[in-house]
Amino acid sequence: MLTTASRIFKYGIANRKGTGISINYVSVLERQKETSGEQTETGEKLYVGLHEVTEKEVLNPEEIKRVILATKPGFYRTVIQTAIYTGARVSEILALRWDDVDLDNSTVYIRRSMSTARVKGEAGQERVRWFDPKTTRGTRTIPVDMDLTRSLNHGKKSVPRVGSIWYSQTSLANPSDRTGIGRYGLTPALNQAGIDKKISMHSLRHTYASVLIHLGRKITQVSKYLGHKDVEVTMRIYTHFINETKKQDDMSDFGKLIENA
């Protein structure tokens, strides 16, 4: 018979003594962590309000190319390419498995996130934990470019196996943490590419969104690919790019449509 401690360890659930009420202590710990102002379960900082992104915080197409070419081939280049071409959060990218990647149809499925963040008050070493998306929109399908498909396919052929796609990219027992990717992968690439912008791994998500908006993708579609809880969030974050795109609109087709009716 499992003890209360064992049940919490295995299931994260225990009954409050004398009440018969089940308490999910993992859920309680997660809520404490979120309200602490530290990190969410996906390892991302909690912001007060939504931050409007500008050109200073994203890479333009020419800079994207320079960064990819300057990134060390292998794990770092592939994970950075994946961030740029999917707009997924680093925690979602590191959680990808081979059954989440359809190489034949150039599609990536986001189904979970990975975290090594320590719950507030939790002692001991960091451990890898997996989480389902918080909302239904978090689970999503993202079409990707053939360049990314080729990179992922190369990694799969080198050491094909079931499980995380990153096990075939590196000899690590577990996927690399997000801090290491930025420190040893992205930052050196930015320096070598001569890009003087404060770009983080999360900035690559903003880069993805800004490129889609520039290409004329509907904001509802951009929001869907990003996994935002609603379109309003997307519009508030990327208002600058939406407005810039509107300024460049040529409305001559409007008059022609009426004239030729």
C-alpha atoms as a PDB file:
ATOM      1  CA  MET A   1       0.000   0.000   0.000  1.00  0.00           C
ATOM      2  CA  LEU A   2       1.335   3.392  -0.962  1.00  0.00           C
ATOM      3  CA  THR A   3       2.056   5.880   1.795  1.00  0.00           C
ATOM      4  CA  THR A   4       0.834   9.477   1.483  1.00  0.00           C
ATOM      5  CA  ALA A   5       4.350  10.577   0.546  1.00  0.00           C
ATOM      6  CA  SER A   6       4.556   7.834  -2.087  1.00  0.00           C
ATOM      7  CA  ARG A   7       1.199   8.800  -3.537  1.00  0.00           C
ATOM      8  CA  ILE A   8       2.218  12.435  -3.788  1.00  0.00           C
ATOM      9  CA  PHE A   9       5.468  11.398  -5.477  1.00  0.00           C
ATOM     10  CA  LYS A  10       3.725   9.079  -7.929  1.00  0.00           C
ATOM     11  CA  TYR A  11       0.438  10.874  -8.558  1.00  0.00           C
ATOM     12  CA  GLY A  12       0.794  14.305  -6.960  1.00  0.00           C
ATOM     13  CA  ILE A  13      -2.454  13.614  -5.109  1.00  0.00           C
ATOM     14  CA  ALA A  14      -3.318  12.919  -1.484  1.00  0.00           C
ATOM     15  CA  ASN A  15      -6.413  13.059   0.754  1.00  0.00           C
ATOM     16  CA  ARG A  16      -6.684  15.726   3.416  1.00  0.00           C
ATOM     17  CA  LYS A  17      -6.815  13.800   6.686  1.00  0.00           C
ATOM     18  CA  GLY A  18     -10.324  13.306   8.039  1.00  0.00           C
ATOM     19  CA  THR A  19     -12.082  14.986   5.103  1.00  0.00           C
ATOM     20  CA  GLY A  20     -11.798  12.518   2.257  1.00  0.00           C
ATOM     21  CA  ILE A  21     -11.011  15.462  -0.046  1.00  0.00           C
ATOM     22  CA  SER A  22      -8.332  14.798  -2.654  1.00  0.00           C
ATOM     23  CA  ILE A  23      -5.702  17.494  -3.025  1.00  0.00           C
ATOM     24  CA  ASN A  24      -3.452  17.738  -6.051  1.00  0.00           C
ATOM     25  CA  TYR A  25      -0.290  19.013  -4.379  1.00  0.00           C
ATOM     26  CA  VAL A  26       1.574  19.332  -7.668  1.00  0.00           C
ATOM     27  CA  SER A  27      -1.141  21.713  -8.839  1.00  0.00           C
ATOM     28  CA  VAL A  28      -0.867  23.657  -5.593  1.00  0.00           C
ATOM     29  CA  LEU A  29       2.902  23.934  -5.997  1.00  0.00           C
ATOM     30  CA  GLU A  30       2.472  25.130  -9.564  1.00  0.00           C
ATOM     31  CA  ARG A  31       0.054  27.876  -8.466  1.00  0.00           C
ATOM     32  CA  GLN A  32       2.492  28.967  -5.780  1.00  0.00           C
ATOM     33  CA  LYS A  33       5.244  29.147  -8.356  1.00  0.00           C
ATOM     34  CA  GLU A  34       3.172  31.233 -10.764  1.00  0.00           C
ATOM     35  CA  THR A  35       2.072  33.720  -8.117  1.00  0.00           C
ATOM     36  CA  SER A  36       5.642  34.015  -6.848  1.00  0.00           C
ATOM     37  CA  GLY A  37       6.543  36.054  -9.918  1.00  0.00           C
ATOM     38  CA  GLU A  38       9.315  33.630 -10.852  1.00  0.00           C
ATOM     39  CA  GLN A  39       8.423  31.273 -13.684  1.00  0.00           C
ATOM     40  CA  THR A  40       5.574  29.286 -15.176  1.00  0.00           C
ATOM     41  CA  GLU A  41       5.831  25.541 -15.524  1.00  0.00           C
ATOM     42  CA  THR A  42       7.243  26.065 -19.017  1.00  0.00           C
ATOM     43  CA  GLY A  43      10.143  28.044 -17.601  1.00  0.00           C
ATOM     44  CA  GLU A  44       9.065  31.423 -18.953  1.00  0.00           C
ATOM     45  CA  LYS A  45       8.869  34.607 -16.909  1.00  0.00           C
ATOM     46  CA  LEU A  46       5.460  35.948 -16.067  1.00  0.00           C
ATOM     47  CA  TYR A  47       4.981  39.485 -17.375  1.00  0.00           C
ATOM     48  CA  VAL A  48       2.646  42.082 -15.945  1.00  0.00           C
ATOM     49  CA  GLY A  49       0.644  43.202 -18.966  1.00  0.00           C
ATOM     50  CA  LEU A  50       1.486  42.557 -22.595  1.00  0.00           C
ATOM     51  CA  HIS A  51       4.654  43.915 -24.144  1.00  0.00           C
ATOM     52  CA  GLU A  52       4.437  45.467 -27.626  1.00  0.00           C
ATOM     53  CA  VAL A  53       7.319  44.200 -29.751  1.00  0.00           C
ATOM     54  CA  THR A  54       9.260  46.395 -32.227  1.00  0.00           C
ATOM     55  CA  GLU A  55      11.958  45.906 -34.891  1.00  0.00           C
ATOM     56  CA  LYS A  56      14.673  46.257 -32.249  1.00  0.00           C
ATOM     57  CA  GLU A  57      13.562  42.976 -30.700  1.00  0.00           C
ATOM     58  CA  VAL A  58      13.354  40.779 -33.785  1.00  0.00           C
ATOM     59  CA  LEU A  59      15.589  39.643 -36.624  1.00  0.00           C
ATOM     60  CA  ASN A  60      14.863  40.706 -40.190  1.00  0.00           C
ATOM     61  CA  PRO A  61      15.148  38.072 -42.982  1.00  0.00           C
ATOM     62  CA  GLU A  62      18.760  38.987 -43.810  1.00  0.00           C
ATOM     63  CA  GLU A  63      19.735  38.750 -40.142  1.00  0.00           C
ATOM     64  CA  ILE A  64      17.926  35.420 -39.793  1.00  0.00           C
ATOM     65  CA  LYS A  65      20.056  33.970 -42.576  1.00  0.00           C
ATOM     66  CA  ARG A  66      23.271  35.282 -41.000  1.00  0.00           C
ATOM     67  CA  VAL A  67      22.402  33.880 -37.581  1.00  0.00           C
ATOM     68  CA  ILE A  68      21.542  30.416 -38.889  1.00  0.00           C
ATOM     69  CA  LEU A  69      24.779  30.217 -40.898  1.00  0.00           C
ATOM     70  CA  ALA A  70      26.777  31.452 -37.898  1.00  0.00           C
ATOM     71  CA  THR A  71      25.269  28.903 -35.497  1.00  0.00           C
ATOM     72  CA  LYS A  72      27.290  25.791 -34.735  1.00  0.00           C
ATOM     73  CA  PRO A  73      25.958  22.905 -36.894  1.00  0.00           C
ATOM     74  CA  GLY A  74      24.161  20.105 -35.115  1.00  0.00           C
ATOM     75  CA  PHE A  75      21.980  20.524 -32.042  1.00  0.00           C
ATOM     76  CA  TYR A  76      22.286  24.306 -31.633  1.00  0.00           C
ATOM     77  CA  ARG A  77      21.659  25.159 -35.279  1.00  0.00           C
ATOM     78  CA  THR A  78      18.700  22.793 -35.536  1.00  0.00           C
ATOM     79  CA  VAL A  79      16.983  23.981 -32.371  1.00  0.00           C
ATOM     80  CA  ILE A  80      17.465  27.644 -33.378  1.00  0.00           C
ATOM     81  CA  GLN A  81      16.103  26.905 -36.854  1.00  0.00           C
ATOM     82  CA  THR A  82      13.126  25.184 -35.257  1.00  0.00           C
ATOM     83  CA  ALA A  83      12.465  28.252 -33.096  1.00  0.00           C
ATOM     84  CA  ILE A  84      12.619  30.576 -36.110  1.00  0.00           C
ATOM     85  CA  TYR A  85      10.521  28.421 -38.443  1.00  0.00           C
ATOM     86  CA  THR A  86       7.803  27.395 -35.955  1.00  0.00           C
ATOM     87  CA  GLY A  87       7.536  30.306 -33.518  1.00  0.00           C
ATOM     88  CA  ALA A  88       7.176  27.727 -30.751  1.00  0.00           C
ATOM     89  CA  ARG A  89       8.376  28.388 -27.222  1.00  0.00           C
ATOM     90  CA  VAL A  90      11.698  26.831 -26.280  1.00  0.00           C
ATOM     91  CA  SER A  91       9.934  24.670 -23.712  1.00  0.00           C
ATOM     92  CA  GLU A  92       7.671  23.323 -26.474  1.00  0.00           C
ATOM     93  CA  ILE A  93      10.551  22.765 -28.880  1.00  0.00           C
ATOM     94  CA  LEU A  94      12.557  20.761 -26.350  1.00  0.00           C
ATOM     95  CA  ALA A  95       9.504  18.592 -25.724  1.00  0.00           C
ATOM     96  CA  LEU A  96       9.204  17.525 -29.376  1.00  0.00           C
ATOM     97  CA  ARG A  97       9.285  13.821 -30.169  1.00  0.00           C
ATOM     98  CA  TRP A  98       9.594  12.171 -33.534  1.00  0.00           C
ATOM     99  CA  ASP A  99       5.869  11.414 -33.639  1.00  0.00           C
ATOM    100  CA  ASP A 100       5.284  15.176 -33.382  1.00  0.00           C
ATOM    101  CA  VAL A 101       7.144  15.813 -36.635  1.00  0.00           C
ATOM    102  CA  ASP A 102       5.669  14.871 -40.021  1.00  0.00           C
ATOM    103  CA  LEU A 103       8.690  15.175 -42.302  1.00  0.00           C
ATOM    104  CA  ASP A 104       6.762  14.077 -45.399  1.00  0.00           C
ATOM    105  CA  ASN A 105       4.217  16.870 -45.048  1.00  0.00           C
ATOM    106  CA  SER A 106       6.543  19.474 -43.455  1.00  0.00           C
ATOM    107  CA  THR A 107       4.409  19.775 -40.348  1.00  0.00           C
ATOM    108  CA  VAL A 108       5.204  20.103 -36.649  1.00  0.00           C
ATOM    109  CA  TYR A 109       2.677  19.273 -33.926  1.00  0.00           C
ATOM    110  CA  ILE A 110       2.932  21.035 -30.556  1.00  0.00           C
ATOM    111  CA  ARG A 111       1.487  18.737 -27.891  1.00  0.00           C
ATOM    112  CA  ARG A 112       3.439  19.366 -24.686  1.00  0.00           C
ATOM    113  CA  SER A 113       6.131  21.461 -23.026  1.00  0.00           C
ATOM    114  CA  MET A 114       9.244  20.587 -21.070  1.00  0.00           C
ATOM    115  CA  SER A 115      10.553  22.266 -17.947  1.00  0.00           C
ATOM    116  CA  THR A 116      13.540  21.915 -15.662  1.00  0.00           C
ATOM    117  CA  ALA A 117      12.417  24.876 -13.548  1.00  0.00           C
ATOM    118  CA  ARG A 118      12.378  24.137  -9.838  1.00  0.00           C
ATOM    119  CA  VAL A 119       9.075  24.676  -8.064  1.00  0.00           C
ATOM    120  CA  LYS A 120       9.305  27.394  -5.429  1.00  0.00           C
ATOM    121  CA  GLY A 121      10.466  25.794  -2.185  1.00  0.00           C
ATOM    122  CA  GLU A 122      11.467  22.555  -3.908  1.00  0.00           C
ATOM    123  CA  ALA A 123      14.829  21.222  -2.775  1.00  0.00           C
ATOM    124  CA  GLY A 124      17.275  19.031  -4.658  1.00  0.00           C
ATOM    125  CA  GLN A 125      18.524  18.935  -8.212  1.00  0.00           C
ATOM    126  CA  GLU A 126      16.525  20.164 -11.176  1.00  0.00           C
ATOM    127  CA  ARG A 127      14.582  17.466 -12.987  1.00  0.00           C
ATOM    128  CA  VAL A 128      12.872  17.288 -16.355  1.00  0.00           C
ATOM    129  CA  ARG A 129       9.094  17.549 -16.171  1.00  0.00           C
ATOM    130  CA  TRP A 130       6.498  17.414 -18.945  1.00  0.00           C
ATOM    131  CA  PHE A 131       3.263  19.397 -19.164  1.00  0.00           C
ATOM    132  CA  ASP A 132       0.217  19.448 -21.392  1.00  0.00           C
ATOM    133  CA  PRO A 133      -0.627  22.832 -22.952  1.00  0.00           C
ATOM    134  CA  LYS A 134      -2.616  25.047 -20.583  1.00  0.00           C
ATOM    135  CA  THR A 135      -5.297  25.778 -23.192  1.00  0.00           C
ATOM    136  CA  THR A 136      -6.774  23.957 -26.179  1.00  0.00           C
ATOM    137  CA  ARG A 137      -5.120  26.508 -28.475  1.00  0.00           C
ATOM    138  CA  GLY A 138      -1.759  25.498 -27.047  1.00  0.00           C
ATOM    139  CA  THR A 139      -2.077  22.181 -28.855  1.00  0.00           C
ATOM    140  CA  ARG A 140      -1.552  23.120 -32.478  1.00  0.00           C
ATOM    141  CA  THR A 141      -0.343  22.176 -35.947  1.00  0.00           C
ATOM    142  CA  ILE A 142       2.344  24.309 -37.590  1.00  0.00           C
ATOM    143  CA  PRO A 143       3.321  24.023 -41.266  1.00  0.00           C
ATOM    144  CA  VAL A 144       7.045  24.577 -41.775  1.00  0.00           C
ATOM    145  CA  ASP A 145       9.503  25.317 -44.557  1.00  0.00           C
ATOM    146  CA  MET A 146      11.453  22.569 -46.320  1.00  0.00           C
ATOM    147  CA  ASP A 147      14.718  23.979 -44.920  1.00  0.00           C
ATOM    148  CA  LEU A 148      13.668  22.952 -41.423  1.00  0.00           C
ATOM    149  CA  THR A 149      12.351  19.614 -42.639  1.00  0.00           C
ATOM    150  CA  ARG A 150      15.729  18.828 -44.203  1.00  0.00           C
ATOM    151  CA  SER A 151      17.573  19.745 -41.008  1.00  0.00           C
ATOM    152  CA  LEU A 152      15.325  17.571 -38.861  1.00  0.00           C
ATOM    153  CA  ASN A 153      15.485  14.721 -41.356  1.00  0.00           C
ATOM    154  CA  HIS A 154      19.295  14.829 -41.285  1.00  0.00           C
ATOM    155  CA  GLY A 155      19.227  14.492 -37.503  1.00  0.00           C
ATOM    156  CA  LYS A 156      16.807  11.577 -37.638  1.00  0.00           C
ATOM    157  CA  LYS A 157      18.893   9.688 -40.192  1.00  0.00           C
ATOM    158  CA  SER A 158      22.079  10.142 -38.180  1.00  0.00           C
ATOM    159  CA  VAL A 159      20.747   8.362 -35.089  1.00  0.00           C
ATOM    160  CA  PRO A 160      17.146   7.279 -35.702  1.00  0.00           C
ATOM    161  CA  ARG A 161      15.252   6.308 -32.564  1.00  0.00           C
ATOM    162  CA  VAL A 162      11.894   6.699 -30.901  1.00  0.00           C
ATOM    163  CA  GLY A 163      11.542   9.543 -28.412  1.00  0.00           C
ATOM    164  CA  SER A 164      12.825  13.114 -28.247  1.00  0.00           C
ATOM    165  CA  ILE A 165      14.167  14.419 -31.543  1.00  0.00           C
ATOM    166  CA  TRP A 166      17.039  15.983 -29.623  1.00  0.00           C
ATOM    167  CA  TYR A 167      18.430  12.632 -28.455  1.00  0.00           C
ATOM    168  CA  SER A 168      19.616  12.145 -32.016  1.00  0.00           C
ATOM    169  CA  GLN A 169      21.212  15.604 -32.070  1.00  0.00           C
ATOM    170  CA  THR A 170      23.284  15.293 -28.910  1.00  0.00           C
ATOM    171  CA  SER A 171      24.753  12.677 -26.604  1.00  0.00           C
ATOM    172  CA  LEU A 172      22.996  14.228 -23.602  1.00  0.00           C
ATOM    173  CA  ALA A 173      20.806  11.918 -21.547  1.00  0.00           C
ATOM    174  CA  ASN A 174      18.184  14.657 -21.432  1.00  0.00           C
ATOM    175  CA  PRO A 175      17.371  17.573 -23.746  1.00  0.00           C
ATOM    176  CA  SER A 176      19.604  20.592 -23.204  1.00  0.00           C
ATOM    177  CA  ASP A 177      18.184  23.330 -21.010  1.00  0.00           C
ATOM    178  CA  ARG A 178      17.007  26.645 -22.482  1.00  0.00           C
ATOM    179  CA  THR A 179      19.733  28.665 -20.747  1.00  0.00           C
ATOM    180  CA  GLY A 180      22.469  26.597 -22.367  1.00  0.00           C
ATOM    181  CA  ILE A 181      20.938  27.014 -25.826  1.00  0.00           C
ATOM    182  CA  GLY A 182      20.997  30.776 -25.505  1.00  0.00           C
ATOM    183  CA  ARG A 183      24.431  30.958 -23.890  1.00  0.00           C
ATOM    184  CA  TYR A 184      26.303  28.441 -26.032  1.00  0.00           C
ATOM    185  CA  GLY A 185      24.238  28.492 -29.212  1.00  0.00           C
ATOM    186  CA  LEU A 186      22.435  31.748 -29.929  1.00  0.00           C
ATOM    187  CA  THR A 187      24.702  34.346 -28.291  1.00  0.00           C
ATOM    188  CA  PRO A 188      27.910  33.200 -30.059  1.00  0.00           C
ATOM    189  CA  ALA A 189      25.990  33.108 -33.365  1.00  0.00           C
ATOM    190  CA  LEU A 190      24.711  36.666 -32.870  1.00  0.00           C
ATOM    191  CA  ASN A 191      28.231  37.872 -32.083  1.00  0.00           C
ATOM    192  CA  GLN A 192      29.729  36.125 -35.104  1.00  0.00           C
ATOM    193  CA  ALA A 193      26.956  37.459 -37.343  1.00  0.00           C
ATOM    194  CA  GLY A 194      27.652  40.987 -36.074  1.00  0.00           C
ATOM    195  CA  ILE A 195      24.091  41.595 -34.901  1.00  0.00           C
ATOM    196  CA  ASP A 196      23.873  44.278 -32.222  1.00  0.00           C
ATOM    197  CA  LYS A 197      20.407  43.579 -30.875  1.00  0.00           C
ATOM    198  CA  LYS A 198      19.226  42.115 -27.599  1.00  0.00           C
ATOM    199  CA  ILE A 199      17.954  38.848 -29.036  1.00  0.00           C
ATOM    200  CA  SER A 200      16.973  35.914 -26.845  1.00  0.00           C
ATOM    201  CA  MET A 201      15.485  32.546 -27.749  1.00  0.00           C
ATOM    202  CA  HIS A 202      12.049  34.021 -27.051  1.00  0.00           C
ATOM    203  CA  SER A 203      12.875  36.811 -29.510  1.00  0.00           C
ATOM    204  CA  LEU A 204      12.933  34.158 -32.236  1.00  0.00           C
ATOM    205  CA  ARG A 205       9.246  33.552 -31.505  1.00  0.00           C
ATOM    206  CA  HIS A 206       8.615  37.264 -32.052  1.00  0.00           C
ATOM    207  CA  THR A 207      10.751  37.097 -35.194  1.00  0.00           C
ATOM    208  CA  TYR A 208       8.544  34.322 -36.573  1.00  0.00           C
ATOM    209  CA  ALA A 209       5.381  36.330 -35.915  1.00  0.00           C
ATOM    210  CA  SER A 210       6.796  39.525 -37.457  1.00  0.00           C
ATOM    211  CA  VAL A 211       7.813  37.675 -40.632  1.00  0.00           C
ATOM    212  CA  LEU A 212       4.358  36.112 -41.016  1.00  0.00           C
ATOM    213  CA  ILE A 213       2.691  39.510 -40.580  1.00  0.00           C
ATOM    214  CA  HIS A 214       5.083  41.020 -43.137  1.00  0.00           C
ATOM    215  CA  LEU A 215       4.148  38.229 -45.555  1.00  0.00           C
ATOM    216  CA  GLY A 216       0.491  39.160 -45.199  1.00  0.00           C
ATOM    217  CA  ARG A 217      -0.720  36.200 -43.157  1.00  0.00           C
ATOM    218  CA  LYS A 218      -4.035  36.823 -41.426  1.00  0.00           C
ATOM    219  CA  ILE A 219      -3.601  37.765 -37.789  1.00  0.00           C
ATOM    220  CA  THR A 220      -6.014  34.981 -36.831  1.00  0.00           C
ATOM    221  CA  GLN A 221      -3.673  32.485 -38.486  1.00  0.00           C
ATOM    222  CA  VAL A 222      -0.596  33.978 -36.805  1.00  0.00           C
ATOM    223  CA  SER A 223      -2.366  33.727 -33.452  1.00  0.00           C
ATOM    224  CA  LYS A 224      -3.272  30.111 -34.135  1.00  0.00           C
ATOM    225  CA  TYR A 225       0.317  29.137 -34.981  1.00  0.00           C
ATOM    226  CA  LEU A 226       1.632  30.911 -31.873  1.00  0.00           C
ATOM    227  CA  GLY A 227      -0.900  29.172 -29.646  1.00  0.00           C
ATOM    228  CA  HIS A 228      -2.148  32.396 -28.059  1.00  0.00           C
ATOM    229  CA  LYS A 229      -5.306  32.041 -25.984  1.00  0.00           C
ATOM    230  CA  ASP A 230      -7.075  34.567 -28.230  1.00  0.00           C
ATOM    231  CA  VAL A 231      -6.419  36.898 -31.168  1.00  0.00           C
ATOM    232  CA  GLU A 232      -6.509  39.976 -28.935  1.00  0.00           C
ATOM    233  CA  VAL A 233      -3.267  38.867 -27.272  1.00  0.00           C
ATOM    234  CA  THR A 234      -1.573  38.569 -30.665  1.00  0.00           C
ATOM    235  CA  MET A 235      -2.824  41.951 -31.828  1.00  0.00           C
ATOM    236  CA  ARG A 236      -1.655  43.712 -28.672  1.00  0.00           C
ATOM    237  CA  ILE A 237       1.836  42.184 -28.816  1.00  0.00           C
ATOM    238  CA  TYR A 238       2.359  42.770 -32.549  1.00  0.00           C
ATOM    239  CA  THR A 239       0.411  46.020 -33.017  1.00  0.00           C
ATOM    240  CA  HIS A 240       3.545  47.746 -34.318  1.00  0.00           C
ATOM    241  CA  PHE A 241       4.036  45.271 -37.166  1.00  0.00           C
ATOM    242  CA  ILE A 242       0.324  45.162 -38.000  1.00  0.00           C
ATOM    243  CA  ASN A 243       0.257  48.959 -38.285  1.00  0.00           C
ATOM    244  CA  GLU A 244       3.434  48.996 -40.390  1.00  0.00           C
ATOM    245  CA  THR A 245       1.905  46.504 -42.794  1.00  0.00           C
ATOM    246  CA  LYS A 246      -1.252  48.608 -43.074  1.00  0.00           C
ATOM    247  CA  LYS A 247       0.790  51.705 -43.972  1.00  0.00           C
ATOM    248  CA  GLN A 248       2.212  49.877 -46.961  1.00  0.00           C
ATOM    249  CA  ASP A 249      -1.188  48.767 -48.309  1.00  0.00           C
ATOM    250  CA  ASP A 250      -1.921  49.757 -51.898  1.00  0.00           C
ATOM    251  CA  MET A 251      -5.657  50.417 -52.108  1.00  0.00           C
ATOM    252  CA  SER A 252      -5.750  50.856 -55.888  1.00  0.00           C
ATOM    253  CA  ASP A 253      -7.355  47.414 -56.197  1.00  0.00           C
ATOM    254  CA  PHE A 254     -10.285  48.676 -54.118  1.00  0.00           C
ATOM    255  CA  GLY A 255     -11.269  51.224 -56.755  1.00  0.00           C
ATOM    256  CA  LYS A 256     -10.583  48.805 -59.619  1.00  0.00           C
ATOM    257  CA  LEU A 257     -12.919  46.248 -58.075  1.00  0.00           C
ATOM    258  CA  ILE A 258     -15.776  48.742 -58.052  1.00  0.00           C
ATOM    259  CA  GLU A 259     -14.902  50.173 -61.459  1.00  0.00           C
ATOM    260  CA  ASN A 260     -14.887  46.751 -63.108  1.00  0.00           C
ATOM    261  CA  ALA A 261     -18.027  45.544 -61.372  1.00  0.00           C
END
